[in-house]
Amino acid sequence: MQSELTAGSDDQVRRCALVLGGGGAYGMIQAAYIQAVRGLAKHYHRSPDELSEAQVRSYLLHLRDERGVGDVL
C-alpha cells in the first residue's frame, strides 16, 4: 500500500527535522518523524492533513495506552 504522504509532505518533514535536530541527528529525527506520520495516516486510512487535532491526540493516547509507547503526551 502506497503511503498517503506526498512529495510536499516530505519537504515539510525535512524542514521540521532541521528545526528539531539539525546536525548529525537530522537523519534519525527525520526517519522517526516520517515513521510516526505514516503510522498516523495508516491508523486513520487518511492523509494526515485531513485529520483534526482531536484525532491526532486520540492516536497519541492509543500509542501510550494500547501499544505501550511512553511519554508521547
Protein backbone atom coordinates (compact mmCIF):
# COMPACT_ATOMS: atom_id res chain seq x y z
CA MET A 1 0.00 0.00 0.00
CA GLN A 2 1.43 3.36 -1.04
CA SER A 3 1.70 5.99 1.67
CA GLU A 4 -0.68 8.93 1.67
CA LEU A 5 2.28 11.29 2.09
CA THR A 6 3.15 13.50 -0.85
CA ALA A 7 6.43 14.97 -2.02
CA GLY A 8 5.34 18.25 -0.43
CA SER A 9 4.84 16.46 2.87
CA ASP A 10 8.34 15.03 2.68
CA ASP A 11 9.68 18.56 2.22
CA GLN A 12 7.76 19.71 5.29
CA VAL A 13 9.15 16.77 7.25
CA ARG A 14 12.71 17.74 6.27
CA ARG A 15 12.15 21.32 7.43
CA CYS A 16 10.64 20.17 10.75
CA ALA A 17 13.52 17.79 11.33
CA LEU A 18 16.03 20.57 10.69
CA VAL A 19 14.31 22.78 13.24
CA LEU A 20 14.10 19.95 15.78
CA GLY A 21 17.53 18.46 15.48
CA GLY A 22 19.80 19.59 12.72
CA GLY A 23 23.37 18.33 12.52
CA GLY A 24 24.04 14.61 12.71
CA ALA A 25 20.73 13.91 14.39
CA TYR A 26 18.84 15.12 11.30
CA GLY A 27 18.59 11.71 9.63
CA MET A 28 17.42 9.89 12.73
CA ILE A 29 14.88 12.57 13.61
CA GLN A 30 13.63 12.69 10.04
CA ALA A 31 13.20 8.91 9.89
CA ALA A 32 11.37 8.83 13.22
CA TYR A 33 9.10 11.72 12.23
CA ILE A 34 8.25 10.14 8.87
CA GLN A 35 7.53 6.81 10.56
CA ALA A 36 5.25 8.49 13.10
CA VAL A 37 3.31 10.43 10.47
CA ARG A 38 2.94 7.32 8.29
CA GLY A 39 1.66 5.40 11.33
CA LEU A 40 -0.90 8.12 11.95
CA ALA A 41 -2.06 8.07 8.32
CA LYS A 42 -2.27 4.28 8.33
CA HIS A 43 -4.24 4.24 11.59
CA TYR A 44 -6.95 6.53 10.18
CA HIS A 45 -6.64 5.47 6.50
CA ARG A 46 -6.45 9.17 5.63
CA SER A 47 -3.87 11.79 4.80
CA PRO A 48 -2.51 13.47 7.95
CA ASP A 49 -3.54 16.91 6.67
CA GLU A 50 -7.19 15.75 6.77
CA LEU A 51 -7.07 14.88 10.48
CA SER A 52 -8.22 17.07 13.33
CA GLU A 53 -6.18 17.91 16.39
CA ALA A 54 -8.52 15.68 18.42
CA GLN A 55 -7.77 12.71 16.13
CA VAL A 56 -4.03 13.22 16.47
CA ARG A 57 -4.37 13.42 20.26
CA SER A 58 -6.52 10.28 20.27
CA TYR A 59 -3.85 8.46 18.25
CA LEU A 60 -1.14 9.53 20.68
CA LEU A 61 -3.23 8.27 23.58
CA HIS A 62 -3.72 5.00 21.69
CA LEU A 63 0.05 4.66 21.33
CA ARG A 64 0.55 5.33 25.02
CA ASP A 65 -2.27 3.22 26.43
CA GLU A 66 -2.61 0.31 24.00
CA ARG A 67 0.81 -0.03 22.43
CA GLY A 68 2.94 0.84 25.43
CA VAL A 69 4.78 3.79 23.91
CA GLY A 70 5.78 6.00 26.81
CA ASP A 71 5.81 9.77 27.17
CA VAL A 72 4.01 10.66 23.94
CA LEU A 73 1.96 13.33 25.69
